[in-house]
């Protein structure tokens, strides 16, 4: 193959959009009743089905991540004393007393 042709292919390949969307498309199976509920919710919220599913998945993953962090912190504090130093605790209460509530 001529060098010019290889350069042309390399240049055109950089500009070629292999997908017409920036989002990943996938197919998933959900129970019929869940699908109907999701459709109704998407209509009520006036969002696309894709937006509803993406939002739900994002919220689920955020919740799992938060739960994991909480579980790890609980594991640490179950093995170590988490009480404040008495002097620090007294200073904290003194500061609170001076605050306007």
C-alpha atoms as a PDB file:
ATOM      1  CA  UNK A   1       0.000   0.000   0.000  1.00  0.00           C
ATOM      2  CA  UNK A   2       1.342   3.420  -0.850  1.00  0.00           C
ATOM      3  CA  UNK A   3       2.510   5.701   1.947  1.00  0.00           C
ATOM      4  CA  UNK A   4       0.000   8.397   0.981  1.00  0.00           C
ATOM      5  CA  UNK A   5      -2.854   5.918   1.319  1.00  0.00           C
ATOM      6  CA  UNK A   6      -1.738   4.849   4.804  1.00  0.00           C
ATOM      7  CA  UNK A   7      -1.496   8.501   5.877  1.00  0.00           C
ATOM      8  CA  UNK A   8      -4.963   9.192   4.448  1.00  0.00           C
ATOM      9  CA  UNK A   9      -6.472   6.233   6.310  1.00  0.00           C
ATOM     10  CA  UNK A  10      -4.782   7.264   9.559  1.00  0.00           C
ATOM     11  CA  UNK A  11      -6.055  10.846   9.229  1.00  0.00           C
ATOM     12  CA  UNK A  12      -9.586   9.863   8.284  1.00  0.00           C
ATOM     13  CA  UNK A  13      -9.707   7.263  11.062  1.00  0.00           C
ATOM     14  CA  UNK A  14      -9.037   9.994  13.647  1.00  0.00           C
ATOM     15  CA  UNK A  15     -12.075  11.931  12.481  1.00  0.00           C
ATOM     16  CA  UNK A  16     -14.358   8.946  12.027  1.00  0.00           C
ATOM     17  CA  UNK A  17     -17.039   8.727  14.690  1.00  0.00           C
ATOM     18  CA  UNK A  18     -17.566   5.018  15.328  1.00  0.00           C
ATOM     19  CA  UNK A  19     -20.806   5.751  17.132  1.00  0.00           C
ATOM     20  CA  UNK A  20     -23.547   8.230  16.511  1.00  0.00           C
ATOM     21  CA  UNK A  21     -23.910   8.832  20.235  1.00  0.00           C
ATOM     22  CA  UNK A  22     -21.508   9.443  23.105  1.00  0.00           C
ATOM     23  CA  UNK A  23     -23.489   7.084  25.318  1.00  0.00           C
ATOM     24  CA  UNK A  24     -23.158   3.328  25.541  1.00  0.00           C
ATOM     25  CA  UNK A  25     -26.182   1.474  24.259  1.00  0.00           C
ATOM     26  CA  UNK A  26     -27.144  -1.778  25.889  1.00  0.00           C
ATOM     27  CA  UNK A  27     -30.096  -4.095  26.133  1.00  0.00           C
ATOM     28  CA  UNK A  28     -31.388  -5.281  29.491  1.00  0.00           C
ATOM     29  CA  UNK A  29     -34.252  -7.522  30.501  1.00  0.00           C
ATOM     30  CA  UNK A  30     -36.606  -6.455  33.269  1.00  0.00           C
ATOM     31  CA  UNK A  31     -39.821  -8.055  34.503  1.00  0.00           C
ATOM     32  CA  UNK A  32     -42.938  -6.823  32.685  1.00  0.00           C
ATOM     33  CA  UNK A  33     -44.435  -5.193  35.773  1.00  0.00           C
ATOM     34  CA  UNK A  34     -41.208  -3.306  36.528  1.00  0.00           C
ATOM     35  CA  UNK A  35     -41.097  -2.141  32.912  1.00  0.00           C
ATOM     36  CA  UNK A  36     -44.677  -0.852  33.124  1.00  0.00           C
ATOM     37  CA  UNK A  37     -43.952   0.979  36.370  1.00  0.00           C
ATOM     38  CA  UNK A  38     -40.803   2.515  34.882  1.00  0.00           C
ATOM     39  CA  UNK A  39     -42.682   3.621  31.764  1.00  0.00           C
ATOM     40  CA  UNK A  40     -45.348   5.295  33.887  1.00  0.00           C
ATOM     41  CA  UNK A  41     -42.723   7.017  36.041  1.00  0.00           C
ATOM     42  CA  UNK A  42     -40.798   8.256  32.987  1.00  0.00           C
ATOM     43  CA  UNK A  43     -43.991   9.738  31.553  1.00  0.00           C
ATOM     44  CA  UNK A  44     -44.879  11.325  34.891  1.00  0.00           C
ATOM     45  CA  UNK A  45     -41.406  12.869  35.173  1.00  0.00           C
ATOM     46  CA  UNK A  46     -41.348  13.743  31.459  1.00  0.00           C
ATOM     47  CA  UNK A  47     -37.993  12.084  30.910  1.00  0.00           C
ATOM     48  CA  UNK A  48     -36.914   9.426  28.464  1.00  0.00           C
ATOM     49  CA  UNK A  49     -36.761   5.796  29.489  1.00  0.00           C
ATOM     50  CA  UNK A  50     -32.994   5.943  29.056  1.00  0.00           C
ATOM     51  CA  UNK A  51     -32.733   8.955  31.363  1.00  0.00           C
ATOM     52  CA  UNK A  52     -34.884   7.245  33.994  1.00  0.00           C
ATOM     53  CA  UNK A  53     -32.827   4.036  33.901  1.00  0.00           C
ATOM     54  CA  UNK A  54     -29.509   5.907  33.912  1.00  0.00           C
ATOM     55  CA  UNK A  55     -30.613   8.031  36.881  1.00  0.00           C
ATOM     56  CA  UNK A  56     -31.857   4.983  38.781  1.00  0.00           C
ATOM     57  CA  UNK A  57     -28.618   3.097  38.144  1.00  0.00           C
ATOM     58  CA  UNK A  58     -26.518   6.079  39.185  1.00  0.00           C
ATOM     59  CA  UNK A  59     -28.467   6.496  42.427  1.00  0.00           C
ATOM     60  CA  UNK A  60     -28.188   2.760  43.164  1.00  0.00           C
ATOM     61  CA  UNK A  61     -24.416   2.784  42.642  1.00  0.00           C
ATOM     62  CA  UNK A  62     -24.021   5.933  44.782  1.00  0.00           C
ATOM     63  CA  UNK A  63     -26.010   4.294  47.574  1.00  0.00           C
ATOM     64  CA  UNK A  64     -23.895   1.127  47.365  1.00  0.00           C
ATOM     65  CA  UNK A  65     -20.698   3.185  47.456  1.00  0.00           C
ATOM     66  CA  UNK A  66     -21.924   5.135  50.498  1.00  0.00           C
ATOM     67  CA  UNK A  67     -22.949   1.916  52.248  1.00  0.00           C
ATOM     68  CA  UNK A  68     -19.521   0.451  51.567  1.00  0.00           C
ATOM     69  CA  UNK A  69     -17.804   3.505  53.060  1.00  0.00           C
ATOM     70  CA  UNK A  70     -20.054   3.358  56.129  1.00  0.00           C
ATOM     71  CA  UNK A  71     -19.356  -0.345  56.572  1.00  0.00           C
ATOM     72  CA  UNK A  72     -15.593   0.250  56.368  1.00  0.00           C
ATOM     73  CA  UNK A  73     -15.772   3.091  58.888  1.00  0.00           C
ATOM     74  CA  UNK A  74     -17.866   0.944  61.214  1.00  0.00           C
ATOM     75  CA  UNK A  75     -15.275  -1.821  60.939  1.00  0.00           C
ATOM     76  CA  UNK A  76     -12.487   0.602  61.881  1.00  0.00           C
ATOM     77  CA  UNK A  77     -14.366   2.163  64.804  1.00  0.00           C
ATOM     78  CA  UNK A  78     -15.526  -1.200  66.123  1.00  0.00           C
ATOM     79  CA  UNK A  79     -11.867  -2.073  66.711  1.00  0.00           C
ATOM     80  CA  UNK A  80     -10.643   1.308  67.946  1.00  0.00           C
ATOM     81  CA  UNK A  81     -11.879   3.611  70.651  1.00  0.00           C
ATOM     82  CA  UNK A  82     -13.609   6.553  69.010  1.00  0.00           C
ATOM     83  CA  UNK A  83     -14.117   8.636  72.144  1.00  0.00           C
ATOM     84  CA  UNK A  84     -12.848  12.181  72.125  1.00  0.00           C
ATOM     85  CA  UNK A  85      -9.958  13.127  74.319  1.00  0.00           C
ATOM     86  CA  UNK A  86     -11.540  14.539  77.546  1.00  0.00           C
ATOM     87  CA  UNK A  87      -9.713  17.885  77.182  1.00  0.00           C
ATOM     88  CA  UNK A  88     -10.875  18.257  73.590  1.00  0.00           C
ATOM     89  CA  UNK A  89     -14.418  17.318  74.610  1.00  0.00           C
ATOM     90  CA  UNK A  90     -14.454  20.017  77.337  1.00  0.00           C
ATOM     91  CA  UNK A  91     -13.186  22.638  74.864  1.00  0.00           C
ATOM     92  CA  UNK A  92     -15.866  21.628  72.375  1.00  0.00           C
ATOM     93  CA  UNK A  93     -18.658  21.975  74.943  1.00  0.00           C
ATOM     94  CA  UNK A  94     -17.304  25.332  76.085  1.00  0.00           C
ATOM     95  CA  UNK A  95     -17.361  26.552  72.498  1.00  0.00           C
ATOM     96  CA  UNK A  96     -20.945  25.347  72.039  1.00  0.00           C
ATOM     97  CA  UNK A  97     -22.101  27.153  75.152  1.00  0.00           C
ATOM     98  CA  UNK A  98     -20.886  30.435  73.693  1.00  0.00           C
ATOM     99  CA  UNK A  99     -22.815  29.923  70.452  1.00  0.00           C
ATOM    100  CA  UNK A 100     -26.218  31.487  69.935  1.00  0.00           C
ATOM    101  CA  UNK A 101     -28.861  28.913  69.196  1.00  0.00           C
END
